[in-house]
Amino acid sequence: MSDEKALTQLIEEVVDQGATTVEEIHRAIAELPLGVLEELGLMERTASDVRRIQDVSLGAIYGLIRDVNHRVAGLAGALLEQRSSATRVEPNE
């Protein structure tokens, strides 16, 4: 595996892991007020509805972030490979 490909994969993995960590924190924070409402017996149905909407929304947002990350990694890998190929070509003098 080329250094360029290894670097691209490493960066892609780090961004994916970061997105997963942020998503988990985001979900935990979003859950706090809903849990309190349910524990107090207030607006239980509303809290449940909001939770479902949040789950779908957060899943879509972080899914999009991961998709963009994969696409950027593919583009970066292709550009780095082109650069690497271009530097290996000997100029005709």
C-alpha atoms as a PDB file:
ATOM      1  CA  MET A   1       0.000   0.000   0.000  1.00  0.00           C
ATOM      2  CA  SER A   2       1.335   3.426  -0.919  1.00  0.00           C
ATOM      3  CA  ASP A   3       2.037   6.051   1.715  1.00  0.00           C
ATOM      4  CA  GLU A   4      -0.605   8.277   0.123  1.00  0.00           C
ATOM      5  CA  LYS A   5      -3.261   5.580   0.349  1.00  0.00           C
ATOM      6  CA  ALA A   6      -2.326   4.739   3.941  1.00  0.00           C
ATOM      7  CA  LEU A   7      -2.494   8.410   4.936  1.00  0.00           C
ATOM      8  CA  THR A   8      -5.855   8.866   3.211  1.00  0.00           C
ATOM      9  CA  GLN A   9      -7.278   5.808   4.981  1.00  0.00           C
ATOM     10  CA  LEU A  10      -5.926   6.934   8.348  1.00  0.00           C
ATOM     11  CA  ILE A  11      -7.491  10.386   8.011  1.00  0.00           C
ATOM     12  CA  GLU A  12     -10.799   8.880   6.863  1.00  0.00           C
ATOM     13  CA  GLU A  13     -10.865   6.528   9.875  1.00  0.00           C
ATOM     14  CA  VAL A  14     -10.033   9.330  12.307  1.00  0.00           C
ATOM     15  CA  VAL A  15     -12.797  11.553  10.919  1.00  0.00           C
ATOM     16  CA  ASP A  16     -15.286   8.647  11.083  1.00  0.00           C
ATOM     17  CA  GLN A  17     -14.316   7.909  14.683  1.00  0.00           C
ATOM     18  CA  GLY A  18     -14.607  11.584  15.558  1.00  0.00           C
ATOM     19  CA  ALA A  19     -18.053  11.797  13.957  1.00  0.00           C
ATOM     20  CA  THR A  20     -19.175   8.716  15.901  1.00  0.00           C
ATOM     21  CA  THR A  21     -17.915  10.179  19.179  1.00  0.00           C
ATOM     22  CA  VAL A  22     -19.595  13.531  18.538  1.00  0.00           C
ATOM     23  CA  GLU A  23     -22.821  11.755  17.547  1.00  0.00           C
ATOM     24  CA  GLU A  24     -22.821   9.737  20.782  1.00  0.00           C
ATOM     25  CA  ILE A  25     -22.277  12.890  22.854  1.00  0.00           C
ATOM     26  CA  HIS A  26     -24.947  14.748  20.857  1.00  0.00           C
ATOM     27  CA  ARG A  27     -27.455  11.934  21.433  1.00  0.00           C
ATOM     28  CA  ALA A  28     -26.673  11.801  25.169  1.00  0.00           C
ATOM     29  CA  ILE A  29     -27.143  15.556  25.557  1.00  0.00           C
ATOM     30  CA  ALA A  30     -30.356  15.525  23.504  1.00  0.00           C
ATOM     31  CA  GLU A  31     -31.707  12.704  25.675  1.00  0.00           C
ATOM     32  CA  LEU A  32     -31.294  14.541  28.992  1.00  0.00           C
ATOM     33  CA  PRO A  33     -34.323  16.872  28.884  1.00  0.00           C
ATOM     34  CA  LEU A  34     -36.526  14.146  27.404  1.00  0.00           C
ATOM     35  CA  GLY A  35     -35.567  11.755  30.185  1.00  0.00           C
ATOM     36  CA  VAL A  36     -36.389  14.384  32.800  1.00  0.00           C
ATOM     37  CA  LEU A  37     -39.804  15.034  31.257  1.00  0.00           C
ATOM     38  CA  GLU A  38     -40.577  11.314  31.268  1.00  0.00           C
ATOM     39  CA  GLU A  39     -39.348  10.820  34.847  1.00  0.00           C
ATOM     40  CA  LEU A  40     -41.594  13.663  36.003  1.00  0.00           C
ATOM     41  CA  GLY A  41     -44.518  12.198  34.096  1.00  0.00           C
ATOM     42  CA  LEU A  42     -44.817  15.340  32.001  1.00  0.00           C
ATOM     43  CA  MET A  43     -45.517  15.257  28.293  1.00  0.00           C
ATOM     44  CA  GLU A  44     -44.527  11.591  27.993  1.00  0.00           C
ATOM     45  CA  ARG A  45     -46.057  11.176  24.550  1.00  0.00           C
ATOM     46  CA  THR A  46     -44.515  14.414  23.318  1.00  0.00           C
ATOM     47  CA  ALA A  47     -41.102  13.391  24.682  1.00  0.00           C
ATOM     48  CA  SER A  48     -41.403  10.050  22.913  1.00  0.00           C
ATOM     49  CA  ASP A  49     -42.347  11.736  19.634  1.00  0.00           C
ATOM     50  CA  VAL A  50     -39.489  14.219  19.941  1.00  0.00           C
ATOM     51  CA  ARG A  51     -37.065  11.376  20.684  1.00  0.00           C
ATOM     52  CA  ARG A  52     -38.082   9.572  17.479  1.00  0.00           C
ATOM     53  CA  ILE A  53     -37.666  12.752  15.444  1.00  0.00           C
ATOM     54  CA  GLN A  54     -34.270  13.437  17.039  1.00  0.00           C
ATOM     55  CA  ASP A  55     -33.091   9.884  16.357  1.00  0.00           C
ATOM     56  CA  VAL A  56     -33.987  10.137  12.682  1.00  0.00           C
ATOM     57  CA  SER A  57     -32.543  13.645  12.349  1.00  0.00           C
ATOM     58  CA  LEU A  58     -29.273  12.837  14.115  1.00  0.00           C
ATOM     59  CA  GLY A  59     -28.896   9.625  12.138  1.00  0.00           C
ATOM     60  CA  ALA A  60     -29.352  11.552   8.895  1.00  0.00           C
ATOM     61  CA  ILE A  61     -26.943  14.337   9.889  1.00  0.00           C
ATOM     62  CA  TYR A  62     -24.115  12.070  11.009  1.00  0.00           C
ATOM     63  CA  GLY A  63     -24.744   9.673   8.134  1.00  0.00           C
ATOM     64  CA  LEU A  64     -24.271  12.600   5.762  1.00  0.00           C
ATOM     65  CA  ILE A  65     -21.051  13.620   7.526  1.00  0.00           C
ATOM     66  CA  ARG A  66     -19.715  10.073   7.094  1.00  0.00           C
ATOM     67  CA  ASP A  67     -20.785   9.988   3.451  1.00  0.00           C
ATOM     68  CA  VAL A  68     -19.026  13.283   2.732  1.00  0.00           C
ATOM     69  CA  ASN A  69     -15.948  11.987   4.560  1.00  0.00           C
ATOM     70  CA  HIS A  70     -15.839   8.854   2.395  1.00  0.00           C
ATOM     71  CA  ARG A  71     -16.257  10.886  -0.788  1.00  0.00           C
ATOM     72  CA  VAL A  72     -13.554  13.361   0.211  1.00  0.00           C
ATOM     73  CA  ALA A  73     -11.228  10.480   1.103  1.00  0.00           C
ATOM     74  CA  GLY A  74     -11.793   8.962  -2.338  1.00  0.00           C
ATOM     75  CA  LEU A  75     -11.083  12.280  -4.034  1.00  0.00           C
ATOM     76  CA  ALA A  76      -8.013  12.924  -1.873  1.00  0.00           C
ATOM     77  CA  GLY A  77      -6.705   9.443  -2.586  1.00  0.00           C
ATOM     78  CA  ALA A  78      -7.122   9.932  -6.335  1.00  0.00           C
ATOM     79  CA  LEU A  79      -5.420  13.352  -6.244  1.00  0.00           C
ATOM     80  CA  LEU A  80      -2.527  12.050  -4.169  1.00  0.00           C
ATOM     81  CA  GLU A  81      -2.127   9.097  -6.502  1.00  0.00           C
ATOM     82  CA  GLN A  82      -2.067  11.431  -9.527  1.00  0.00           C
ATOM     83  CA  ARG A  83       0.525  13.590  -7.797  1.00  0.00           C
ATOM     84  CA  SER A  84       2.600  10.557  -6.963  1.00  0.00           C
ATOM     85  CA  SER A  85       2.387   9.266 -10.538  1.00  0.00           C
ATOM     86  CA  ALA A  86       3.335  12.669 -11.943  1.00  0.00           C
ATOM     87  CA  THR A  87       6.420  12.905  -9.755  1.00  0.00           C
ATOM     88  CA  ARG A  88       7.590   9.450 -10.887  1.00  0.00           C
ATOM     89  CA  VAL A  89       7.566  10.440 -14.588  1.00  0.00           C
ATOM     90  CA  GLU A  90      10.972  11.541 -15.800  1.00  0.00           C
ATOM     91  CA  PRO A  91      10.892  14.757 -17.845  1.00  0.00           C
ATOM     92  CA  ASN A  92      12.137  14.469 -21.446  1.00  0.00           C
ATOM     93  CA  GLU A  93      15.051  16.758 -22.003  1.00  0.00           C
END
